[in-house]
Amino acid sequence: MSALGNSLQTDRRNLYNSRGHSVLQKLAKQRRHQYRILSQRIEREKKMFVVSQKIQARKDIMEKREKVKVKKETVNSAPIYKFKKQRKR
């Protein structure tokens, strides 16, 4: 096991020495780019979730039941309404 571990360490050193610092910088740059894309996708998903909540709130408002606005609409959240309970028949 130790011989295998030593050979892996020497392979890493040889890779670093043979390819140089530029390869590692290129890999780091690609990693940063991928993380930036991931964070943009997460932000876009949050915005789409808020928009879908607002659309659903508008659909709920159109119902002919009594309602009271509990919380106003903000940029990050949909308005919140409280509806009077209605018995289904």
PDB file of N, CA and C in Angstrom:
ATOM      1  N   MET A   1       0.819  -1.199   0.000  1.00  0.00           N
ATOM      2  CA  MET A   1       0.000   0.000   0.000  1.00  0.00           C
ATOM      3  C   MET A   1       0.861   1.259   0.000  1.00  0.00           C
ATOM      4  N   SER A   2       1.931   1.253   0.769  1.00  0.00           N
ATOM      5  CA  SER A   2       2.760   2.452   0.858  1.00  0.00           C
ATOM      6  C   SER A   2       3.491   2.703  -0.450  1.00  0.00           C
ATOM      7  N   ALA A   3       3.850   1.630  -1.153  1.00  0.00           N
ATOM      8  CA  ALA A   3       4.517   1.804  -2.445  1.00  0.00           C
ATOM      9  C   ALA A   3       3.562   2.443  -3.440  1.00  0.00           C
ATOM     10  N   LEU A   4       2.299   2.040  -3.390  1.00  0.00           N
ATOM     11  CA  LEU A   4       1.290   2.626  -4.274  1.00  0.00           C
ATOM     12  C   LEU A   4       1.060   4.087  -3.927  1.00  0.00           C
ATOM     13  N   GLY A   5       0.996   4.395  -2.643  1.00  0.00           N
ATOM     14  CA  GLY A   5       0.826   5.774  -2.208  1.00  0.00           C
ATOM     15  C   GLY A   5       1.986   6.650  -2.625  1.00  0.00           C
ATOM     16  N   ASN A   6       3.194   6.134  -2.510  1.00  0.00           N
ATOM     17  CA  ASN A   6       4.373   6.888  -2.922  1.00  0.00           C
ATOM     18  C   ASN A   6       4.386   7.127  -4.419  1.00  0.00           C
ATOM     19  N   SER A   7       3.952   6.126  -5.184  1.00  0.00           N
ATOM     20  CA  SER A   7       3.944   6.292  -6.637  1.00  0.00           C
ATOM     21  C   SER A   7       2.921   7.339  -7.055  1.00  0.00           C
ATOM     22  N   LEU A   8       1.774   7.418  -6.346  1.00  0.00           N
ATOM     23  CA  LEU A   8       0.773   8.430  -6.660  1.00  0.00           C
ATOM     24  C   LEU A   8       1.300   9.823  -6.352  1.00  0.00           C
ATOM     25  N   GLN A   9       2.003   9.952  -5.251  1.00  0.00           N
ATOM     26  CA  GLN A   9       2.570  11.255  -4.906  1.00  0.00           C
ATOM     27  C   GLN A   9       3.612  11.685  -5.925  1.00  0.00           C
ATOM     28  N   THR A  10       4.445  10.766  -6.364  1.00  0.00           N
ATOM     29  CA  THR A  10       5.456  11.118  -7.367  1.00  0.00           C
ATOM     30  C   THR A  10       4.794  11.445  -8.694  1.00  0.00           C
ATOM     31  N   ASP A  11       3.684  10.756  -9.018  1.00  0.00           N
ATOM     32  CA  ASP A  11       2.962  11.071 -10.254  1.00  0.00           C
ATOM     33  C   ASP A  11       2.401  12.489 -10.194  1.00  0.00           C
ATOM     34  N   ARG A  12       1.881  12.876  -9.047  1.00  0.00           N
ATOM     35  CA  ARG A  12       1.347  14.231  -8.893  1.00  0.00           C
ATOM     36  C   ARG A  12       2.455  15.276  -9.024  1.00  0.00           C
ATOM     37  N   ARG A  13       3.585  14.985  -8.404  1.00  0.00           N
ATOM     38  CA  ARG A  13       4.706  15.922  -8.507  1.00  0.00           C
ATOM     39  C   ARG A  13       5.183  16.040  -9.945  1.00  0.00           C
ATOM     40  N   ASN A  14       5.269  14.907 -10.625  1.00  0.00           N
ATOM     41  CA  ASN A  14       5.704  14.929 -12.017  1.00  0.00           C
ATOM     42  C   ASN A  14       4.704  15.686 -12.884  1.00  0.00           C
ATOM     43  N   LEU A  15       3.429  15.496 -12.608  1.00  0.00           N
ATOM     44  CA  LEU A  15       2.399  16.221 -13.364  1.00  0.00           C
ATOM     45  C   LEU A  15       2.553  17.713 -13.143  1.00  0.00           C
ATOM     46  N   TYR A  16       2.739  18.114 -11.900  1.00  0.00           N
ATOM     47  CA  TYR A  16       2.904  19.531 -11.593  1.00  0.00           C
ATOM     48  C   TYR A  16       4.164  20.085 -12.251  1.00  0.00           C
ATOM     49  N   ASN A  17       5.255  19.341 -12.166  1.00  0.00           N
ATOM     50  CA  ASN A  17       6.519  19.810 -12.723  1.00  0.00           C
ATOM     51  C   ASN A  17       6.503  19.809 -14.245  1.00  0.00           C
ATOM     52  N   SER A  18       5.891  18.774 -14.843  1.00  0.00           N
ATOM     53  CA  SER A  18       5.936  18.672 -16.300  1.00  0.00           C
ATOM     54  C   SER A  18       4.968  19.645 -16.966  1.00  0.00           C
ATOM     55  N   ARG A  19       3.788  19.789 -16.412  1.00  0.00           N
ATOM     56  CA  ARG A  19       2.779  20.651 -17.036  1.00  0.00           C
ATOM     57  C   ARG A  19       2.903  22.093 -16.589  1.00  0.00           C
ATOM     58  N   GLY A  20       3.339  22.261 -15.396  1.00  0.00           N
ATOM     59  CA  GLY A  20       3.568  23.597 -14.905  1.00  0.00           C
ATOM     60  C   GLY A  20       2.364  24.206 -14.206  1.00  0.00           C
ATOM     61  N   HIS A  21       2.569  25.419 -13.833  1.00  0.00           N
ATOM     62  CA  HIS A  21       1.576  26.160 -13.064  1.00  0.00           C
ATOM     63  C   HIS A  21       0.403  26.596 -13.937  1.00  0.00           C
ATOM     64  N   SER A  22       0.613  26.745 -15.234  1.00  0.00           N
ATOM     65  CA  SER A  22      -0.444  27.258 -16.120  1.00  0.00           C
ATOM     66  C   SER A  22      -1.620  26.303 -16.228  1.00  0.00           C
ATOM     67  N   VAL A  23      -1.365  25.000 -16.189  1.00  0.00           N
ATOM     68  CA  VAL A  23      -2.453  24.020 -16.273  1.00  0.00           C
ATOM     69  C   VAL A  23      -3.327  24.109 -15.036  1.00  0.00           C
ATOM     70  N   LEU A  24      -2.710  24.223 -13.886  1.00  0.00           N
ATOM     71  CA  LEU A  24      -3.480  24.329 -12.651  1.00  0.00           C
ATOM     72  C   LEU A  24      -4.299  25.617 -12.613  1.00  0.00           C
ATOM     73  N   GLN A  25      -3.741  26.698 -13.126  1.00  0.00           N
ATOM     74  CA  GLN A  25      -4.494  27.951 -13.183  1.00  0.00           C
ATOM     75  C   GLN A  25      -5.681  27.822 -14.132  1.00  0.00           C
ATOM     76  N   LYS A  26      -5.474  27.139 -15.240  1.00  0.00           N
ATOM     77  CA  LYS A  26      -6.559  26.944 -16.204  1.00  0.00           C
ATOM     78  C   LYS A  26      -7.686  26.123 -15.585  1.00  0.00           C
ATOM     79  N   LEU A  27      -7.332  25.069 -14.862  1.00  0.00           N
ATOM     80  CA  LEU A  27      -8.333  24.250 -14.189  1.00  0.00           C
ATOM     81  C   LEU A  27      -9.085  25.049 -13.124  1.00  0.00           C
ATOM     82  N   ALA A  28      -8.370  25.873 -12.386  1.00  0.00           N
ATOM     83  CA  ALA A  28      -9.008  26.701 -11.358  1.00  0.00           C
ATOM     84  C   ALA A  28      -9.966  27.697 -11.999  1.00  0.00           C
ATOM     85  N   LYS A  29      -9.578  28.253 -13.136  1.00  0.00           N
ATOM     86  CA  LYS A  29     -10.434  29.200 -13.846  1.00  0.00           C
ATOM     87  C   LYS A  29     -11.704  28.512 -14.336  1.00  0.00           C
ATOM     88  N   GLN A  30     -11.571  27.294 -14.857  1.00  0.00           N
ATOM     89  CA  GLN A  30     -12.741  26.539 -15.310  1.00  0.00           C
ATOM     90  C   GLN A  30     -13.661  26.221 -14.143  1.00  0.00           C
ATOM     91  N   ARG A  31     -13.091  25.871 -12.994  1.00  0.00           N
ATOM     92  CA  ARG A  31     -13.901  25.568 -11.818  1.00  0.00           C
ATOM     93  C   ARG A  31     -14.680  26.800 -11.365  1.00  0.00           C
ATOM     94  N   ARG A  32     -14.010  27.958 -11.323  1.00  0.00           N
ATOM     95  CA  ARG A  32     -14.694  29.206 -10.936  1.00  0.00           C
ATOM     96  C   ARG A  32     -15.830  29.515 -11.911  1.00  0.00           C
ATOM     97  N   HIS A  33     -15.587  29.289 -13.191  1.00  0.00           N
ATOM     98  CA  HIS A  33     -16.608  29.553 -14.209  1.00  0.00           C
ATOM     99  C   HIS A  33     -17.827  28.653 -13.989  1.00  0.00           C
ATOM    100  N   GLN A  34     -17.597  27.380 -13.711  1.00  0.00           N
ATOM    101  CA  GLN A  34     -18.699  26.457 -13.485  1.00  0.00           C
ATOM    102  C   GLN A  34     -19.489  26.816 -12.227  1.00  0.00           C
ATOM    103  N   TYR A  35     -18.793  27.255 -11.171  1.00  0.00           N
ATOM    104  CA  TYR A  35     -19.496  27.675  -9.960  1.00  0.00           C
ATOM    105  C   TYR A  35     -20.317  28.939 -10.218  1.00  0.00           C
ATOM    106  N   ARG A  36     -19.804  29.845 -11.032  1.00  0.00           N
ATOM    107  CA  ARG A  36     -20.544  31.051 -11.381  1.00  0.00           C
ATOM    108  C   ARG A  36     -21.825  30.686 -12.140  1.00  0.00           C
ATOM    109  N   ILE A  37     -21.727  29.768 -13.080  1.00  0.00           N
ATOM    110  CA  ILE A  37     -22.901  29.328 -13.829  1.00  0.00           C
ATOM    111  C   ILE A  37     -23.912  28.677 -12.885  1.00  0.00           C
ATOM    112  N   LEU A  38     -23.427  27.854 -11.963  1.00  0.00           N
ATOM    113  CA  LEU A  38     -24.314  27.195 -11.001  1.00  0.00           C
ATOM    114  C   LEU A  38     -25.040  28.214 -10.128  1.00  0.00           C
ATOM    115  N   SER A  39     -24.333  29.220  -9.655  1.00  0.00           N
ATOM    116  CA  SER A  39     -24.978  30.237  -8.815  1.00  0.00           C
ATOM    117  C   SER A  39     -26.009  31.032  -9.612  1.00  0.00           C
ATOM    118  N   GLN A  40     -25.751  31.292 -10.896  1.00  0.00           N
ATOM    119  CA  GLN A  40     -26.732  31.982 -11.733  1.00  0.00           C
ATOM    120  C   GLN A  40     -27.987  31.138 -11.902  1.00  0.00           C
ATOM    121  N   ARG A  41     -27.815  29.830 -12.071  1.00  0.00           N
ATOM    122  CA  ARG A  41     -28.973  28.939 -12.211  1.00  0.00           C
ATOM    123  C   ARG A  41     -29.794  28.887 -10.931  1.00  0.00           C
ATOM    124  N   ILE A  42     -29.115  28.886  -9.793  1.00  0.00           N
ATOM    125  CA  ILE A  42     -29.829  28.874  -8.508  1.00  0.00           C
ATOM    126  C   ILE A  42     -30.634  30.155  -8.337  1.00  0.00           C
ATOM    127  N   GLU A  43     -30.040  31.298  -8.672  1.00  0.00           N
ATOM    128  CA  GLU A  43     -30.750  32.586  -8.587  1.00  0.00           C
ATOM    129  C   GLU A  43     -31.948  32.602  -9.533  1.00  0.00           C
ATOM    130  N   ARG A  44     -31.773  32.103 -10.739  1.00  0.00           N
ATOM    131  CA  ARG A  44     -32.865  32.067 -11.710  1.00  0.00           C
ATOM    132  C   ARG A  44     -34.001  31.186 -11.206  1.00  0.00           C
ATOM    133  N   GLU A  45     -33.668  30.062 -10.559  1.00  0.00           N
ATOM    134  CA  GLU A  45     -34.688  29.168 -10.026  1.00  0.00           C
ATOM    135  C   GLU A  45     -35.470  29.855  -8.911  1.00  0.00           C
ATOM    136  N   LYS A  46     -34.787  30.623  -8.059  1.00  0.00           N
ATOM    137  CA  LYS A  46     -35.471  31.353  -6.990  1.00  0.00           C
ATOM    138  C   LYS A  46     -36.448  32.371  -7.569  1.00  0.00           C
ATOM    139  N   LYS A  47     -36.009  33.102  -8.600  1.00  0.00           N
ATOM    140  CA  LYS A  47     -36.876  34.104  -9.222  1.00  0.00           C
ATOM    141  C   LYS A  47     -38.091  33.449  -9.865  1.00  0.00           C
ATOM    142  N   MET A  48     -37.885  32.320 -10.538  1.00  0.00           N
ATOM    143  CA  MET A  48     -38.993  31.623 -11.180  1.00  0.00           C
ATOM    144  C   MET A  48     -39.991  31.099 -10.141  1.00  0.00           C
ATOM    145  N   PHE A  49     -39.496  30.677  -8.987  1.00  0.00           N
ATOM    146  CA  PHE A  49     -40.372  30.204  -7.921  1.00  0.00           C
ATOM    147  C   PHE A  49     -41.256  31.332  -7.415  1.00  0.00           C
ATOM    148  N   VAL A  50     -40.683  32.518  -7.229  1.00  0.00           N
ATOM    149  CA  VAL A  50     -41.452  33.678  -6.758  1.00  0.00           C
ATOM    150  C   VAL A  50     -42.503  34.057  -7.800  1.00  0.00           C
ATOM    151  N   VAL A  51     -42.123  34.040  -9.070  1.00  0.00           N
ATOM    152  CA  VAL A  51     -43.075  34.382 -10.129  1.00  0.00           C
ATOM    153  C   VAL A  51     -44.223  33.379 -10.154  1.00  0.00           C
ATOM    154  N   SER A  52     -43.924  32.105 -10.002  1.00  0.00           N
ATOM    155  CA  SER A  52     -44.994  31.103  -9.993  1.00  0.00           C
ATOM    156  C   SER A  52     -45.917  31.290  -8.788  1.00  0.00           C
ATOM    157  N   GLN A  53     -45.360  31.690  -7.639  1.00  0.00           N
ATOM    158  CA  GLN A  53     -46.196  31.966  -6.470  1.00  0.00           C
ATOM    159  C   GLN A  53     -47.117  33.152  -6.732  1.00  0.00           C
ATOM    160  N   LYS A  54     -46.605  34.184  -7.384  1.00  0.00           N
ATOM    161  CA  LYS A  54     -47.418  35.362  -7.681  1.00  0.00           C
ATOM    162  C   LYS A  54     -48.538  35.020  -8.644  1.00  0.00           C
ATOM    163  N   ILE A  55     -48.261  34.199  -9.638  1.00  0.00           N
ATOM    164  CA  ILE A  55     -49.297  33.792 -10.587  1.00  0.00           C
ATOM    165  C   ILE A  55     -50.371  32.991  -9.871  1.00  0.00           C
ATOM    166  N   GLN A  56     -49.961  32.081  -8.998  1.00  0.00           N
ATOM    167  CA  GLN A  56     -50.935  31.286  -8.255  1.00  0.00           C
ATOM    168  C   GLN A  56     -51.762  32.175  -7.327  1.00  0.00           C
ATOM    169  N   ALA A  57     -51.154  33.187  -6.730  1.00  0.00           N
ATOM    170  CA  ALA A  57     -51.897  34.103  -5.858  1.00  0.00           C
ATOM    171  C   ALA A  57     -52.948  34.863  -6.665  1.00  0.00           C
ATOM    172  N   ARG A  58     -52.595  35.281  -7.874  1.00  0.00           N
ATOM    173  CA  ARG A  58     -53.581  35.973  -8.728  1.00  0.00           C
ATOM    174  C   ARG A  58     -54.741  35.065  -9.085  1.00  0.00           C
ATOM    175  N   LYS A  59     -54.465  33.794  -9.336  1.00  0.00           N
ATOM    176  CA  LYS A  59     -55.535  32.838  -9.627  1.00  0.00           C
ATOM    177  C   LYS A  59     -56.433  32.657  -8.413  1.00  0.00           C
ATOM    178  N   ASP A  60     -55.833  32.590  -7.227  1.00  0.00           N
ATOM    179  CA  ASP A  60     -56.620  32.423  -6.003  1.00  0.00           C
ATOM    180  C   ASP A  60     -57.494  33.647  -5.744  1.00  0.00           C
ATOM    181  N   ILE A  61     -57.015  34.823  -6.072  1.00  0.00           N
ATOM    182  CA  ILE A  61     -57.762  36.058  -5.843  1.00  0.00           C
ATOM    183  C   ILE A  61     -59.034  36.089  -6.695  1.00  0.00           C
ATOM    184  N   MET A  62     -58.968  35.501  -7.865  1.00  0.00           N
ATOM    185  CA  MET A  62     -60.105  35.552  -8.785  1.00  0.00           C
ATOM    186  C   MET A  62     -61.297  34.739  -8.297  1.00  0.00           C
ATOM    187  N   GLU A  63     -61.088  33.852  -7.317  1.00  0.00           N
ATOM    188  CA  GLU A  63     -62.196  33.090  -6.767  1.00  0.00           C
ATOM    189  C   GLU A  63     -63.142  34.017  -6.010  1.00  0.00           C
ATOM    190  N   LYS A  64     -64.408  33.678  -5.997  1.00  0.00           N
ATOM    191  CA  LYS A  64     -65.420  34.550  -5.391  1.00  0.00           C
ATOM    192  C   LYS A  64     -65.660  34.186  -3.925  1.00  0.00           C
ATOM    193  N   ARG A  65     -64.597  34.128  -3.185  1.00  0.00           N
ATOM    194  CA  ARG A  65     -64.713  33.892  -1.745  1.00  0.00           C
ATOM    195  C   ARG A  65     -64.223  35.127  -1.016  1.00  0.00           C
ATOM    196  N   GLU A  66     -64.615  35.233   0.240  1.00  0.00           N
ATOM    197  CA  GLU A  66     -64.154  36.361   1.038  1.00  0.00           C
ATOM    198  C   GLU A  66     -62.686  36.143   1.395  1.00  0.00           C
ATOM    199  N   LYS A  67     -61.921  37.213   1.298  1.00  0.00           N
ATOM    200  CA  LYS A  67     -60.492  37.099   1.571  1.00  0.00           C
ATOM    201  C   LYS A  67     -59.986  38.356   2.262  1.00  0.00           C
ATOM    202  N   VAL A  68     -58.913  38.198   3.009  1.00  0.00           N
ATOM    203  CA  VAL A  68     -58.269  39.299   3.708  1.00  0.00           C
ATOM    204  C   VAL A  68     -56.782  39.228   3.388  1.00  0.00           C
ATOM    205  N   LYS A  69     -56.212  40.364   3.007  1.00  0.00           N
ATOM    206  CA  LYS A  69     -54.786  40.392   2.701  1.00  0.00           C
ATOM    207  C   LYS A  69     -54.004  40.423   4.009  1.00  0.00           C
ATOM    208  N   VAL A  70     -53.139  39.438   4.185  1.00  0.00           N
ATOM    209  CA  VAL A  70     -52.360  39.327   5.406  1.00  0.00           C
ATOM    210  C   VAL A  70     -51.009  40.018   5.234  1.00  0.00           C
ATOM    211  N   LYS A  71     -50.385  39.829   4.072  1.00  0.00           N
ATOM    212  CA  LYS A  71     -49.062  40.377   3.843  1.00  0.00           C
ATOM    213  C   LYS A  71     -48.979  40.902   2.411  1.00  0.00           C
ATOM    214  N   LYS A  72     -48.375  42.072   2.251  1.00  0.00           N
ATOM    215  CA  LYS A  72     -48.265  42.681   0.936  1.00  0.00           C
ATOM    216  C   LYS A  72     -47.235  41.960   0.072  1.00  0.00           C
ATOM    217  N   GLU A  73     -47.349  42.179  -1.219  1.00  0.00           N
ATOM    218  CA  GLU A  73     -46.411  41.603  -2.178  1.00  0.00           C
ATOM    219  C   GLU A  73     -45.088  42.361  -2.126  1.00  0.00           C
ATOM    220  N   THR A  74     -43.994  41.623  -2.158  1.00  0.00           N
ATOM    221  CA  THR A  74     -42.663  42.225  -2.224  1.00  0.00           C
ATOM    222  C   THR A  74     -41.945  41.668  -3.446  1.00  0.00           C
ATOM    223  N   VAL A  75     -40.730  42.119  -3.647  1.00  0.00           N
ATOM    224  CA  VAL A  75     -39.942  41.633  -4.776  1.00  0.00           C
ATOM    225  C   VAL A  75     -39.623  40.151  -4.604  1.00  0.00           C
ATOM    226  N   ASN A  76     -39.414  39.723  -3.370  1.00  0.00           N
ATOM    227  CA  ASN A  76     -38.991  38.349  -3.094  1.00  0.00           C
ATOM    228  C   ASN A  76     -40.113  37.403  -2.698  1.00  0.00           C
ATOM    229  N   SER A  77     -41.349  37.918  -2.574  1.00  0.00           N
ATOM    230  CA  SER A  77     -42.440  37.031  -2.175  1.00  0.00           C
ATOM    231  C   SER A  77     -43.769  37.509  -2.751  1.00  0.00           C
ATOM    232  N   ALA A  78     -44.667  36.565  -2.879  1.00  0.00           N
ATOM    233  CA  ALA A  78     -46.001  36.857  -3.368  1.00  0.00           C
ATOM    234  C   ALA A  78     -46.866  37.386  -2.219  1.00  0.00           C
ATOM    235  N   PRO A  79     -47.986  38.048  -2.539  1.00  0.00           N
ATOM    236  CA  PRO A  79     -48.878  38.486  -1.457  1.00  0.00           C
ATOM    237  C   PRO A  79     -49.510  37.278  -0.775  1.00  0.00           C
ATOM    238  N   ILE A  80     -49.830  37.441   0.495  1.00  0.00           N
ATOM    239  CA  ILE A  80     -50.431  36.340   1.251  1.00  0.00           C
ATOM    240  C   ILE A  80     -51.837  36.753   1.641  1.00  0.00           C
ATOM    241  N   TYR A  81     -52.797  35.896   1.314  1.00  0.00           N
ATOM    242  CA  TYR A  81     -54.203  36.139   1.624  1.00  0.00           C
ATOM    243  C   TYR A  81     -54.699  35.054   2.562  1.00  0.00           C
ATOM    244  N   LYS A  82     -55.695  35.436   3.368  1.00  0.00           N
ATOM    245  CA  LYS A  82     -56.365  34.475   4.230  1.00  0.00           C
ATOM    246  C   LYS A  82     -57.816  34.408   3.763  1.00  0.00           C
ATOM    247  N   PHE A  83     -58.262  33.221   3.425  1.00  0.00           N
ATOM    248  CA  PHE A  83     -59.602  33.041   2.881  1.00  0.00           C
ATOM    249  C   PHE A  83     -60.551  32.519   3.951  1.00  0.00           C
ATOM    250  N   LYS A  84     -61.800  32.940   3.843  1.00  0.00           N
ATOM    251  CA  LYS A  84     -62.822  32.453   4.743  1.00  0.00           C
ATOM    252  C   LYS A  84     -63.114  31.007   4.385  1.00  0.00           C
ATOM    253  N   LYS A  85     -63.247  30.169   5.407  1.00  0.00           N
ATOM    254  CA  LYS A  85     -63.501  28.766   5.161  1.00  0.00           C
ATOM    255  C   LYS A  85     -64.880  28.595   4.553  1.00  0.00           C
ATOM    256  N   GLN A  86     -64.945  27.719   3.560  1.00  0.00           N
ATOM    257  CA  GLN A  86     -66.194  27.480   2.863  1.00  0.00           C
ATOM    258  C   GLN A  86     -66.425  25.973   2.805  1.00  0.00           C
ATOM    259  N   ARG A  87     -67.618  25.568   3.192  1.00  0.00           N
ATOM    260  CA  ARG A  87     -67.934  24.156   3.220  1.00  0.00           C
ATOM    261  C   ARG A  87     -68.226  23.665   1.810  1.00  0.00           C
ATOM    262  N   LYS A  88     -67.616  22.547   1.462  1.00  0.00           N
ATOM    263  CA  LYS A  88     -67.872  21.942   0.147  1.00  0.00           C
ATOM    264  C   LYS A  88     -69.073  21.034   0.252  1.00  0.00           C
ATOM    265  N   ARG A  89     -69.910  21.076  -0.758  1.00  0.00           N
ATOM    266  CA  ARG A  89     -71.108  20.216  -0.738  1.00  0.00           C
ATOM    267  C   ARG A  89     -71.107  19.309  -1.927  1.00  0.00           C
TER     268      ARG A  89
END
